[in-house]
């Protein structure tokens, strides 16, 4: 019963969704850092 649903197609779908999540987190982190730096520059001016 534990092996139920563990087909190669499930792993492909899992990898695709995890890859999308990792890409979204990477760009979100970069965008947040840039936004934070802009705010710091505006405040310090």
Protein backbone atom coordinates (compact mmCIF):
# COMPACT_ATOMS: atom_id res chain seq x y z
CA UNK A 1 0.00 0.00 0.00
CA UNK A 2 2.88 2.38 0.67
CA UNK A 3 4.12 1.96 -2.91
CA UNK A 4 0.75 2.89 -4.33
CA UNK A 5 0.99 5.86 -6.69
CA UNK A 6 4.79 5.81 -7.04
CA UNK A 7 4.95 5.67 -10.80
CA UNK A 8 7.57 7.37 -12.99
CA UNK A 9 4.89 9.82 -14.15
CA UNK A 10 4.31 10.87 -10.52
CA UNK A 11 8.00 11.57 -10.10
CA UNK A 12 8.08 13.61 -13.30
CA UNK A 13 5.13 15.69 -12.10
CA UNK A 14 6.73 16.11 -8.68
CA UNK A 15 10.03 17.23 -10.19
CA UNK A 16 8.28 19.72 -12.47
CA UNK A 17 6.29 21.29 -9.65
CA UNK A 18 9.31 21.37 -7.32
CA UNK A 19 11.41 22.94 -10.07
CA UNK A 20 8.76 25.62 -10.57
CA UNK A 21 8.64 26.25 -6.82
CA UNK A 22 12.44 26.54 -6.56
CA UNK A 23 12.56 28.96 -9.50
CA UNK A 24 9.79 31.09 -7.99
CA UNK A 25 11.58 31.18 -4.61
CA UNK A 26 14.88 32.13 -6.26
CA UNK A 27 13.40 35.05 -8.17
CA UNK A 28 11.31 36.09 -5.18
CA UNK A 29 14.42 36.24 -3.01
CA UNK A 30 16.31 38.29 -5.60
CA UNK A 31 13.38 40.68 -6.05
CA UNK A 32 12.96 41.08 -2.29
CA UNK A 33 16.66 41.88 -1.88
CA UNK A 34 16.55 44.49 -4.67
CA UNK A 35 13.41 46.04 -3.19
CA UNK A 36 15.04 46.17 0.23
CA UNK A 37 18.14 47.87 -1.19
CA UNK A 38 15.99 50.47 -2.97
CA UNK A 39 14.14 51.20 0.28
CA UNK A 40 17.43 51.57 2.17
CA UNK A 41 18.77 53.97 -0.47
CA UNK A 42 15.57 56.03 -0.38
CA UNK A 43 15.57 56.20 3.42
CA UNK A 44 19.24 57.14 3.64
CA UNK A 45 18.89 59.99 1.12
